[in-house]
All heavy atoms as atom14 arrays in JSON, in Angstrom:
{
  "sequence": "RHGCSTVQPFEWSEAVYDRDKEPRAHQVMTWAAEFGLKRGYCIPLHYD",
  "atom14_mask": [
    [1, 1, 1, 1, 1, 1, 1, 1, 1, 1, 1, 0, 0, 0],
    [1, 1, 1, 1, 1, 1, 1, 1, 1, 1, 0, 0, 0, 0],
    [1, 1, 1, 1, 0, 0, 0, 0, 0, 0, 0, 0, 0, 0],
    [1, 1, 1, 1, 1, 1, 0, 0, 0, 0, 0, 0, 0, 0],
    [1, 1, 1, 1, 1, 1, 0, 0, 0, 0, 0, 0, 0, 0],
    [1, 1, 1, 1, 1, 1, 1, 0, 0, 0, 0, 0, 0, 0],
    [1, 1, 1, 1, 1, 1, 1, 0, 0, 0, 0, 0, 0, 0],
    [1, 1, 1, 1, 1, 1, 1, 1, 1, 0, 0, 0, 0, 0],
    [1, 1, 1, 1, 1, 1, 1, 0, 0, 0, 0, 0, 0, 0],
    [1, 1, 1, 1, 1, 1, 1, 1, 1, 1, 1, 0, 0, 0],
    [1, 1, 1, 1, 1, 1, 1, 1, 1, 0, 0, 0, 0, 0],
    [1, 1, 1, 1, 1, 1, 1, 1, 1, 1, 1, 1, 1, 1],
    [1, 1, 1, 1, 1, 1, 0, 0, 0, 0, 0, 0, 0, 0],
    [1, 1, 1, 1, 1, 1, 1, 1, 1, 0, 0, 0, 0, 0],
    [1, 1, 1, 1, 1, 0, 0, 0, 0, 0, 0, 0, 0, 0],
    [1, 1, 1, 1, 1, 1, 1, 0, 0, 0, 0, 0, 0, 0],
    [1, 1, 1, 1, 1, 1, 1, 1, 1, 1, 1, 1, 0, 0],
    [1, 1, 1, 1, 1, 1, 1, 1, 0, 0, 0, 0, 0, 0],
    [1, 1, 1, 1, 1, 1, 1, 1, 1, 1, 1, 0, 0, 0],
    [1, 1, 1, 1, 1, 1, 1, 1, 0, 0, 0, 0, 0, 0],
    [1, 1, 1, 1, 1, 1, 1, 1, 1, 0, 0, 0, 0, 0],
    [1, 1, 1, 1, 1, 1, 1, 1, 1, 0, 0, 0, 0, 0],
    [1, 1, 1, 1, 1, 1, 1, 0, 0, 0, 0, 0, 0, 0],
    [1, 1, 1, 1, 1, 1, 1, 1, 1, 1, 1, 0, 0, 0],
    [1, 1, 1, 1, 1, 0, 0, 0, 0, 0, 0, 0, 0, 0],
    [1, 1, 1, 1, 1, 1, 1, 1, 1, 1, 0, 0, 0, 0],
    [1, 1, 1, 1, 1, 1, 1, 1, 1, 0, 0, 0, 0, 0],
    [1, 1, 1, 1, 1, 1, 1, 0, 0, 0, 0, 0, 0, 0],
    [1, 1, 1, 1, 1, 1, 1, 1, 0, 0, 0, 0, 0, 0],
    [1, 1, 1, 1, 1, 1, 1, 0, 0, 0, 0, 0, 0, 0],
    [1, 1, 1, 1, 1, 1, 1, 1, 1, 1, 1, 1, 1, 1],
    [1, 1, 1, 1, 1, 0, 0, 0, 0, 0, 0, 0, 0, 0],
    [1, 1, 1, 1, 1, 0, 0, 0, 0, 0, 0, 0, 0, 0],
    [1, 1, 1, 1, 1, 1, 1, 1, 1, 0, 0, 0, 0, 0],
    [1, 1, 1, 1, 1, 1, 1, 1, 1, 1, 1, 0, 0, 0],
    [1, 1, 1, 1, 0, 0, 0, 0, 0, 0, 0, 0, 0, 0],
    [1, 1, 1, 1, 1, 1, 1, 1, 0, 0, 0, 0, 0, 0],
    [1, 1, 1, 1, 1, 1, 1, 1, 1, 0, 0, 0, 0, 0],
    [1, 1, 1, 1, 1, 1, 1, 1, 1, 1, 1, 0, 0, 0],
    [1, 1, 1, 1, 0, 0, 0, 0, 0, 0, 0, 0, 0, 0],
    [1, 1, 1, 1, 1, 1, 1, 1, 1, 1, 1, 1, 0, 0],
    [1, 1, 1, 1, 1, 1, 0, 0, 0, 0, 0, 0, 0, 0],
    [1, 1, 1, 1, 1, 1, 1, 1, 0, 0, 0, 0, 0, 0],
    [1, 1, 1, 1, 1, 1, 1, 0, 0, 0, 0, 0, 0, 0],
    [1, 1, 1, 1, 1, 1, 1, 1, 0, 0, 0, 0, 0, 0],
    [1, 1, 1, 1, 1, 1, 1, 1, 1, 1, 0, 0, 0, 0],
    [1, 1, 1, 1, 1, 1, 1, 1, 1, 1, 1, 1, 0, 0],
    [1, 1, 1, 1, 1, 1, 1, 1, 0, 0, 0, 0, 0, 0]
  ],
  "atom14_positions": [
    [[20.2, -2.08, 13.1], [20.38, -1.44, 14.41], [19.07, -1.46, 15.2], [19.06, -1.78, 16.39], [20.86, 0.0, 14.22], [21.1, 0.74, 15.54], [21.66, 2.13, 15.3], [20.7, 2.99, 14.62], [21.03, 4.18, 14.1], [22.27, 4.61, 14.17], [20.11, 4.91, 13.5], [0.0, 0.0, 0.0], [0.0, 0.0, 0.0], [0.0, 0.0, 0.0]],
    [[17.98, -1.14, 14.52], [16.68, -1.18, 15.18], [16.31, -2.62, 15.53], [15.7, -2.88, 16.58], [15.61, -0.56, 14.29], [14.27, -0.39, 14.95], [14.09, 0.39, 16.07], [13.04, -0.92, 14.67], [12.83, 0.36, 16.44], [12.17, -0.44, 15.61], [0.0, 0.0, 0.0], [0.0, 0.0, 0.0], [0.0, 0.0, 0.0], [0.0, 0.0, 0.0]],
    [[16.71, -3.56, 14.67], [16.43, -4.97, 14.93], [17.11, -5.48, 16.19], [16.63, -6.43, 16.82], [0.0, 0.0, 0.0], [0.0, 0.0, 0.0], [0.0, 0.0, 0.0], [0.0, 0.0, 0.0], [0.0, 0.0, 0.0], [0.0, 0.0, 0.0], [0.0, 0.0, 0.0], [0.0, 0.0, 0.0], [0.0, 0.0, 0.0], [0.0, 0.0, 0.0]],
    [[18.22, -4.86, 16.57], [18.92, -5.26, 17.8], [18.15, -4.87, 19.05], [18.36, -5.44, 20.12], [20.31, -4.61, 17.85], [21.49, -5.26, 16.67], [0.0, 0.0, 0.0], [0.0, 0.0, 0.0], [0.0, 0.0, 0.0], [0.0, 0.0, 0.0], [0.0, 0.0, 0.0], [0.0, 0.0, 0.0], [0.0, 0.0, 0.0], [0.0, 0.0, 0.0]],
    [[17.27, -3.89, 18.91], [16.61, -3.32, 20.09], [15.14, -3.69, 20.21], [14.45, -3.21, 21.11], [16.73, -1.79, 20.06], [16.05, -1.25, 18.93], [0.0, 0.0, 0.0], [0.0, 0.0, 0.0], [0.0, 0.0, 0.0], [0.0, 0.0, 0.0], [0.0, 0.0, 0.0], [0.0, 0.0, 0.0], [0.0, 0.0, 0.0], [0.0, 0.0, 0.0]],
    [[14.64, -4.55, 19.32], [13.23, -4.92, 19.38], [13.03, -6.38, 19.01], [13.86, -6.96, 18.3], [12.38, -4.04, 18.43], [11.01, -4.38, 18.55], [12.82, -4.23, 16.98], [0.0, 0.0, 0.0], [0.0, 0.0, 0.0], [0.0, 0.0, 0.0], [0.0, 0.0, 0.0], [0.0, 0.0, 0.0], [0.0, 0.0, 0.0], [0.0, 0.0, 0.0]],
    [[11.96, -6.95, 19.51], [11.6, -8.32, 19.13], [10.41, -8.32, 18.19], [9.98, -9.37, 17.72], [11.26, -9.18, 20.38], [12.47, -9.33, 21.27], [10.08, -8.58, 21.15], [0.0, 0.0, 0.0], [0.0, 0.0, 0.0], [0.0, 0.0, 0.0], [0.0, 0.0, 0.0], [0.0, 0.0, 0.0], [0.0, 0.0, 0.0], [0.0, 0.0, 0.0]],
    [[9.88, -7.13, 17.89], [8.71, -7.0, 17.03], [9.1, -6.73, 15.58], [10.02, -5.94, 15.32], [7.81, -5.86, 17.53], [7.29, -6.04, 18.94], [6.42, -7.27, 19.09], [5.7, -7.65, 18.17], [6.48, -7.9, 20.26], [0.0, 0.0, 0.0], [0.0, 0.0, 0.0], [0.0, 0.0, 0.0], [0.0, 0.0, 0.0], [0.0, 0.0, 0.0]],
    [[8.43, -7.36, 14.62], [8.67, -7.02, 13.22], [8.35, -5.55, 12.97], [7.5, -4.97, 13.65], [7.7, -7.93, 12.46], [7.41, -9.04, 13.41], [7.43, -8.43, 14.77], [0.0, 0.0, 0.0], [0.0, 0.0, 0.0], [0.0, 0.0, 0.0], [0.0, 0.0, 0.0], [0.0, 0.0, 0.0], [0.0, 0.0, 0.0], [0.0, 0.0, 0.0]],
    [[9.03, -4.96, 12.01], [8.82, -3.54, 11.75], [9.09, -3.21, 10.28], [9.83, -3.92, 9.6], [9.73, -2.69, 12.64], [11.21, -2.96, 12.45], [11.98, -2.23, 11.54], [11.84, -3.95, 13.19], [13.33, -2.48, 11.38], [13.2, -4.22, 13.03], [13.94, -3.47, 12.12], [0.0, 0.0, 0.0], [0.0, 0.0, 0.0], [0.0, 0.0, 0.0]],
    [[8.46, -2.16, 9.82], [8.76, -1.65, 8.49], [10.02, -0.8, 8.56], [10.32, -0.2, 9.6], [7.59, -0.84, 7.94], [6.36, -1.68, 7.66], [5.34, -0.97, 6.79], [5.76, -0.3, 5.8], [4.13, -1.06, 7.07], [0.0, 0.0, 0.0], [0.0, 0.0, 0.0], [0.0, 0.0, 0.0], [0.0, 0.0, 0.0], [0.0, 0.0, 0.0]],
    [[10.74, -0.73, 7.45], [11.98, 0.03, 7.44], [11.76, 1.48, 7.89], [12.63, 2.06, 8.53], [12.57, 0.03, 6.03], [13.26, -1.24, 5.66], [13.28, -2.42, 6.36], [14.03, -1.47, 4.49], [14.01, -3.37, 5.69], [14.49, -2.82, 4.53], [14.38, -0.69, 3.39], [15.27, -3.37, 3.53], [15.17, -1.24, 2.38], [15.61, -2.56, 2.46]],
    [[10.62, 2.03, 7.56], [10.35, 3.42, 7.91], [10.31, 3.64, 9.42], [10.43, 4.78, 9.9], [9.02, 3.87, 7.3], [7.96, 3.04, 7.75], [0.0, 0.0, 0.0], [0.0, 0.0, 0.0], [0.0, 0.0, 0.0], [0.0, 0.0, 0.0], [0.0, 0.0, 0.0], [0.0, 0.0, 0.0], [0.0, 0.0, 0.0], [0.0, 0.0, 0.0]],
    [[10.16, 2.56, 10.18], [10.13, 2.67, 11.64], [11.54, 2.69, 12.24], [11.69, 2.97, 13.44], [9.33, 1.52, 12.23], [7.87, 1.48, 11.81], [7.17, 0.23, 12.31], [7.11, 0.04, 13.54], [6.7, -0.57, 11.46], [0.0, 0.0, 0.0], [0.0, 0.0, 0.0], [0.0, 0.0, 0.0], [0.0, 0.0, 0.0], [0.0, 0.0, 0.0]],
    [[12.54, 2.4, 11.44], [13.93, 2.44, 11.91], [14.44, 3.87, 11.75], [15.08, 4.23, 10.76], [14.8, 1.46, 11.11], [0.0, 0.0, 0.0], [0.0, 0.0, 0.0], [0.0, 0.0, 0.0], [0.0, 0.0, 0.0], [0.0, 0.0, 0.0], [0.0, 0.0, 0.0], [0.0, 0.0, 0.0], [0.0, 0.0, 0.0], [0.0, 0.0, 0.0]],
    [[14.12, 4.69, 12.72], [14.38, 6.13, 12.61], [15.85, 6.45, 12.82], [16.6, 5.72, 13.48], [13.52, 6.92, 13.61], [12.05, 6.75, 13.3], [13.81, 6.48, 15.04], [0.0, 0.0, 0.0], [0.0, 0.0, 0.0], [0.0, 0.0, 0.0], [0.0, 0.0, 0.0], [0.0, 0.0, 0.0], [0.0, 0.0, 0.0], [0.0, 0.0, 0.0]],
    [[16.27, 7.57, 12.25], [17.63, 8.08, 12.41], [17.61, 9.57, 12.13], [16.64, 10.1, 11.55], [18.59, 7.36, 11.45], [18.24, 7.54, 9.99], [18.78, 8.58, 9.24], [17.37, 6.66, 9.36], [18.44, 8.76, 7.9], [17.02, 6.82, 8.03], [17.56, 7.87, 7.3], [17.23, 8.04, 5.98], [0.0, 0.0, 0.0], [0.0, 0.0, 0.0]],
    [[18.65, 10.27, 12.51], [18.77, 11.71, 12.3], [19.57, 11.97, 11.03], [20.76, 11.66, 10.97], [19.47, 12.35, 13.51], [19.43, 13.87, 13.47], [19.71, 14.45, 12.4], [19.13, 14.47, 14.51], [0.0, 0.0, 0.0], [0.0, 0.0, 0.0], [0.0, 0.0, 0.0], [0.0, 0.0, 0.0], [0.0, 0.0, 0.0], [0.0, 0.0, 0.0]],
    [[18.93, 12.5, 10.01], [19.6, 12.71, 8.72], [20.82, 13.62, 8.85], [21.82, 13.41, 8.16], [18.63, 13.33, 7.71], [17.51, 12.41, 7.28], [16.76, 13.02, 6.11], [15.65, 12.18, 5.68], [14.95, 12.39, 4.57], [15.23, 13.44, 3.8], [13.97, 11.58, 4.24], [0.0, 0.0, 0.0], [0.0, 0.0, 0.0], [0.0, 0.0, 0.0]],
    [[20.72, 14.63, 9.72], [21.81, 15.59, 9.86], [22.98, 15.0, 10.64], [24.14, 15.18, 10.28], [21.32, 16.87, 10.55], [20.28, 17.6, 9.71], [20.4, 17.57, 8.47], [19.35, 18.18, 10.3], [0.0, 0.0, 0.0], [0.0, 0.0, 0.0], [0.0, 0.0, 0.0], [0.0, 0.0, 0.0], [0.0, 0.0, 0.0], [0.0, 0.0, 0.0]],
    [[22.66, 14.27, 11.71], [23.71, 13.71, 12.55], [24.21, 12.36, 12.05], [25.3, 11.92, 12.44], [23.2, 13.57, 13.99], [22.89, 14.9, 14.65], [22.41, 14.68, 16.09], [22.1, 16.0, 16.77], [21.61, 15.81, 18.17], [0.0, 0.0, 0.0], [0.0, 0.0, 0.0], [0.0, 0.0, 0.0], [0.0, 0.0, 0.0], [0.0, 0.0, 0.0]],
    [[23.41, 11.69, 11.22], [23.79, 10.36, 10.71], [23.69, 10.33, 9.18], [22.86, 9.63, 8.63], [22.89, 9.3, 11.31], [22.92, 9.21, 12.83], [21.97, 8.16, 13.37], [20.78, 8.48, 13.56], [22.42, 7.03, 13.57], [0.0, 0.0, 0.0], [0.0, 0.0, 0.0], [0.0, 0.0, 0.0], [0.0, 0.0, 0.0], [0.0, 0.0, 0.0]],
    [[24.55, 11.08, 8.5], [24.47, 11.12, 7.04], [24.74, 9.77, 6.38], [24.19, 9.47, 5.32], [25.56, 12.14, 6.66], [26.49, 12.16, 7.84], [25.62, 11.93, 9.03], [0.0, 0.0, 0.0], [0.0, 0.0, 0.0], [0.0, 0.0, 0.0], [0.0, 0.0, 0.0], [0.0, 0.0, 0.0], [0.0, 0.0, 0.0], [0.0, 0.0, 0.0]],
    [[25.55, 8.93, 7.03], [25.83, 7.62, 6.45], [24.6, 6.71, 6.52], [24.35, 5.92, 5.61], [27.0, 6.97, 7.2], [28.34, 7.61, 6.93], [29.08, 6.94, 5.81], [29.53, 5.61, 6.21], [29.89, 4.66, 5.34], [29.85, 4.89, 4.05], [30.3, 3.48, 5.77], [0.0, 0.0, 0.0], [0.0, 0.0, 0.0], [0.0, 0.0, 0.0]],
    [[23.84, 6.83, 7.59], [22.6, 6.05, 7.69], [21.64, 6.47, 6.59], [20.98, 5.62, 5.95], [21.96, 6.27, 9.07], [0.0, 0.0, 0.0], [0.0, 0.0, 0.0], [0.0, 0.0, 0.0], [0.0, 0.0, 0.0], [0.0, 0.0, 0.0], [0.0, 0.0, 0.0], [0.0, 0.0, 0.0], [0.0, 0.0, 0.0], [0.0, 0.0, 0.0]],
    [[21.55, 7.77, 6.35], [20.68, 8.26, 5.28], [21.19, 7.79, 3.92], [20.39, 7.48, 3.02], [20.62, 9.79, 5.33], [19.67, 10.38, 4.34], [18.34, 10.02, 4.26], [19.85, 11.31, 3.35], [17.74, 10.69, 3.3], [18.64, 11.47, 2.72], [0.0, 0.0, 0.0], [0.0, 0.0, 0.0], [0.0, 0.0, 0.0], [0.0, 0.0, 0.0]],
    [[22.49, 7.71, 3.78], [23.09, 7.25, 2.52], [22.7, 5.8, 2.24], [22.39, 5.44, 1.09], [24.62, 7.37, 2.59], [25.33, 7.03, 1.28], [26.84, 7.15, 1.41], [27.4, 6.97, 2.49], [27.5, 7.46, 0.32], [0.0, 0.0, 0.0], [0.0, 0.0, 0.0], [0.0, 0.0, 0.0], [0.0, 0.0, 0.0], [0.0, 0.0, 0.0]],
    [[22.69, 4.96, 3.27], [22.29, 3.56, 3.1], [20.89, 3.48, 2.51], [20.64, 2.78, 1.52], [22.31, 2.8, 4.44], [21.78, 1.38, 4.25], [23.7, 2.74, 5.01], [0.0, 0.0, 0.0], [0.0, 0.0, 0.0], [0.0, 0.0, 0.0], [0.0, 0.0, 0.0], [0.0, 0.0, 0.0], [0.0, 0.0, 0.0], [0.0, 0.0, 0.0]],
    [[19.95, 4.2, 3.13], [18.56, 4.11, 2.73], [18.35, 4.73, 1.34], [17.56, 4.23, 0.54], [17.66, 4.81, 3.75], [17.83, 4.29, 5.18], [17.75, 2.48, 5.32], [16.01, 2.18, 4.98], [0.0, 0.0, 0.0], [0.0, 0.0, 0.0], [0.0, 0.0, 0.0], [0.0, 0.0, 0.0], [0.0, 0.0, 0.0], [0.0, 0.0, 0.0]],
    [[19.07, 5.8, 1.03], [18.95, 6.45, -0.27], [19.48, 5.56, -1.38], [18.84, 5.39, -2.43], [19.71, 7.79, -0.27], [19.18, 8.64, 0.75], [19.58, 8.49, -1.62], [0.0, 0.0, 0.0], [0.0, 0.0, 0.0], [0.0, 0.0, 0.0], [0.0, 0.0, 0.0], [0.0, 0.0, 0.0], [0.0, 0.0, 0.0], [0.0, 0.0, 0.0]],
    [[20.65, 4.97, -1.15], [21.23, 4.1, -2.17], [20.41, 2.83, -2.34], [20.27, 2.32, -3.45], [22.68, 3.76, -1.8], [23.64, 4.9, -2.01], [23.32, 6.22, -2.19], [25.06, 4.82, -2.05], [24.46, 6.97, -2.33], [25.55, 6.13, -2.25], [25.97, 3.79, -1.92], [26.91, 6.42, -2.33], [27.33, 4.07, -2.0], [27.79, 5.36, -2.21]],
    [[19.87, 2.3, -1.25], [19.02, 1.11, -1.35], [17.83, 1.39, -2.26], [17.45, 0.55, -3.1], [18.55, 0.67, 0.03], [0.0, 0.0, 0.0], [0.0, 0.0, 0.0], [0.0, 0.0, 0.0], [0.0, 0.0, 0.0], [0.0, 0.0, 0.0], [0.0, 0.0, 0.0], [0.0, 0.0, 0.0], [0.0, 0.0, 0.0], [0.0, 0.0, 0.0]],
    [[17.23, 2.57, -2.11], [16.07, 2.93, -2.93], [16.43, 2.98, -4.4], [15.59, 2.67, -5.27], [15.53, 4.29, -2.48], [0.0, 0.0, 0.0], [0.0, 0.0, 0.0], [0.0, 0.0, 0.0], [0.0, 0.0, 0.0], [0.0, 0.0, 0.0], [0.0, 0.0, 0.0], [0.0, 0.0, 0.0], [0.0, 0.0, 0.0], [0.0, 0.0, 0.0]],
    [[17.67, 3.34, -4.71], [18.11, 3.39, -6.1], [18.16, 2.0, -6.73], [18.15, 1.86, -7.96], [19.48, 4.06, -6.2], [19.44, 5.55, -5.83], [20.81, 6.18, -5.86], [21.8, 5.48, -6.21], [20.92, 7.38, -5.54], [0.0, 0.0, 0.0], [0.0, 0.0, 0.0], [0.0, 0.0, 0.0], [0.0, 0.0, 0.0], [0.0, 0.0, 0.0]],
    [[18.21, 0.97, -5.89], [18.19, -0.41, -6.38], [16.79, -1.0, -6.29], [16.61, -2.22, -6.4], [19.18, -1.26, -5.58], [20.61, -1.07, -5.96], [21.38, -0.09, -5.36], [21.2, -1.85, -6.95], [22.7, 0.1, -5.7], [22.51, -1.67, -7.32], [23.28, -0.68, -6.69], [0.0, 0.0, 0.0], [0.0, 0.0, 0.0], [0.0, 0.0, 0.0]],
    [[15.8, -0.15, -6.09], [14.41, -0.61, -6.02], [13.98, -1.08, -4.64], [12.87, -1.59, -4.48], [0.0, 0.0, 0.0], [0.0, 0.0, 0.0], [0.0, 0.0, 0.0], [0.0, 0.0, 0.0], [0.0, 0.0, 0.0], [0.0, 0.0, 0.0], [0.0, 0.0, 0.0], [0.0, 0.0, 0.0], [0.0, 0.0, 0.0], [0.0, 0.0, 0.0]],
    [[14.85, -0.9, -3.66], [14.53, -1.32, -2.29], [13.99, -0.1, -1.54], [14.65, 0.48, -0.67], [15.77, -1.89, -1.6], [16.59, -2.9, -2.42], [17.77, -3.41, -1.62], [15.71, -4.06, -2.87], [0.0, 0.0, 0.0], [0.0, 0.0, 0.0], [0.0, 0.0, 0.0], [0.0, 0.0, 0.0], [0.0, 0.0, 0.0], [0.0, 0.0, 0.0]],
    [[12.77, 0.29, -1.89], [12.2, 1.54, -1.38], [11.4, 1.35, -0.1], [11.32, 2.25, 0.73], [11.32, 2.17, -2.46], [12.09, 2.55, -3.72], [11.17, 3.16, -4.77], [11.95, 3.54, -6.02], [11.08, 4.11, -7.06], [0.0, 0.0, 0.0], [0.0, 0.0, 0.0], [0.0, 0.0, 0.0], [0.0, 0.0, 0.0], [0.0, 0.0, 0.0]],
    [[10.81, 0.2, 0.04], [10.01, -0.07, 1.24], [10.32, -1.48, 1.71], [10.31, -2.42, 0.91], [8.53, 0.08, 0.93], [7.62, -0.04, 2.16], [6.16, 0.06, 1.79], [5.28, -0.19, 2.92], [3.99, -0.49, 2.8], [3.42, -0.55, 1.6], [3.26, -0.72, 3.88], [0.0, 0.0, 0.0], [0.0, 0.0, 0.0], [0.0, 0.0, 0.0]],
    [[10.62, -1.61, 2.99], [11.02, -2.91, 3.48], [10.31, -3.32, 4.75], [9.67, -2.51, 5.43], [0.0, 0.0, 0.0], [0.0, 0.0, 0.0], [0.0, 0.0, 0.0], [0.0, 0.0, 0.0], [0.0, 0.0, 0.0], [0.0, 0.0, 0.0], [0.0, 0.0, 0.0], [0.0, 0.0, 0.0], [0.0, 0.0, 0.0], [0.0, 0.0, 0.0]],
    [[10.43, -4.59, 5.05], [9.82, -5.19, 6.24], [10.88, -6.1, 6.86], [11.54, -6.87, 6.16], [8.59, -5.99, 5.85], [7.79, -6.55, 7.0], [7.33, -5.73, 8.03], [7.47, -7.91, 7.06], [6.58, -6.23, 9.07], [6.71, -8.42, 8.1], [6.26, -7.57, 9.1], [5.51, -8.07, 10.15], [0.0, 0.0, 0.0], [0.0, 0.0, 0.0]],
    [[11.07, -5.98, 8.16], [12.15, -6.71, 8.84], [11.61, -7.5, 10.02], [10.82, -6.98, 10.82], [13.21, -5.71, 9.31], [14.64, -6.48, 10.1], [0.0, 0.0, 0.0], [0.0, 0.0, 0.0], [0.0, 0.0, 0.0], [0.0, 0.0, 0.0], [0.0, 0.0, 0.0], [0.0, 0.0, 0.0], [0.0, 0.0, 0.0], [0.0, 0.0, 0.0]],
    [[12.04, -8.75, 10.11], [11.66, -9.62, 11.24], [12.94, -9.92, 12.02], [13.82, -10.63, 11.53], [11.02, -10.94, 10.77], [9.7, -10.66, 10.04], [10.77, -11.86, 11.94], [9.79, -10.68, 8.56], [0.0, 0.0, 0.0], [0.0, 0.0, 0.0], [0.0, 0.0, 0.0], [0.0, 0.0, 0.0], [0.0, 0.0, 0.0], [0.0, 0.0, 0.0]],
    [[13.08, -9.36, 13.24], [14.25, -9.68, 14.06], [14.03, -10.97, 14.84], [12.9, -11.27, 15.25], [14.34, -8.48, 15.02], [12.94, -7.97, 15.13], [12.22, -8.35, 13.85], [0.0, 0.0, 0.0], [0.0, 0.0, 0.0], [0.0, 0.0, 0.0], [0.0, 0.0, 0.0], [0.0, 0.0, 0.0], [0.0, 0.0, 0.0], [0.0, 0.0, 0.0]],
    [[15.09, -11.72, 15.03], [15.04, -12.96, 15.81], [16.12, -12.9, 16.88], [17.25, -12.52, 16.59], [15.27, -14.18, 14.91], [14.29, -14.38, 13.75], [14.74, -15.57, 12.9], [12.88, -14.6, 14.27], [0.0, 0.0, 0.0], [0.0, 0.0, 0.0], [0.0, 0.0, 0.0], [0.0, 0.0, 0.0], [0.0, 0.0, 0.0], [0.0, 0.0, 0.0]],
    [[15.77, -13.28, 18.08], [16.74, -13.25, 19.18], [16.76, -14.61, 19.86], [15.76, -15.03, 20.46], [16.38, -12.14, 20.18], [16.44, -10.77, 19.59], [17.61, -10.05, 19.49], [15.47, -9.99, 19.04], [17.37, -8.88, 18.93], [16.08, -8.82, 18.62], [0.0, 0.0, 0.0], [0.0, 0.0, 0.0], [0.0, 0.0, 0.0], [0.0, 0.0, 0.0]],
    [[17.9, -15.3, 19.72], [18.09, -16.59, 20.37], [18.89, -16.39, 21.65], [19.39, -15.29, 21.92], [18.83, -17.56, 19.44], [18.16, -17.76, 18.1], [18.61, -17.1, 16.96], [17.07, -18.6, 17.98], [17.98, -17.28, 15.73], [16.44, -18.8, 16.76], [16.9, -18.13, 15.64], [16.29, -18.32, 14.43], [0.0, 0.0, 0.0], [0.0, 0.0, 0.0]],
    [[19.05, -17.44, 22.44], [19.81, -17.33, 23.68], [21.26, -16.92, 23.42], [21.85, -16.18, 24.19], [19.8, -18.66, 24.44], [18.43, -18.98, 25.01], [17.63, -18.04, 25.17], [18.16, -20.16, 25.27], [0.0, 0.0, 0.0], [0.0, 0.0, 0.0], [0.0, 0.0, 0.0], [0.0, 0.0, 0.0], [0.0, 0.0, 0.0], [0.0, 0.0, 0.0]]
  ]
}
């Protein structure tokens, strides 16, 4: 979602969300960490 709104690479921690209002978003990040995906880096690409 954050990748859709930026052209700059970012760490996962920069993809902010509201834990209370977006429990499913928090669930994604929590479950990912359980698989060892605790810290990430994302490069968005935007073509025509």
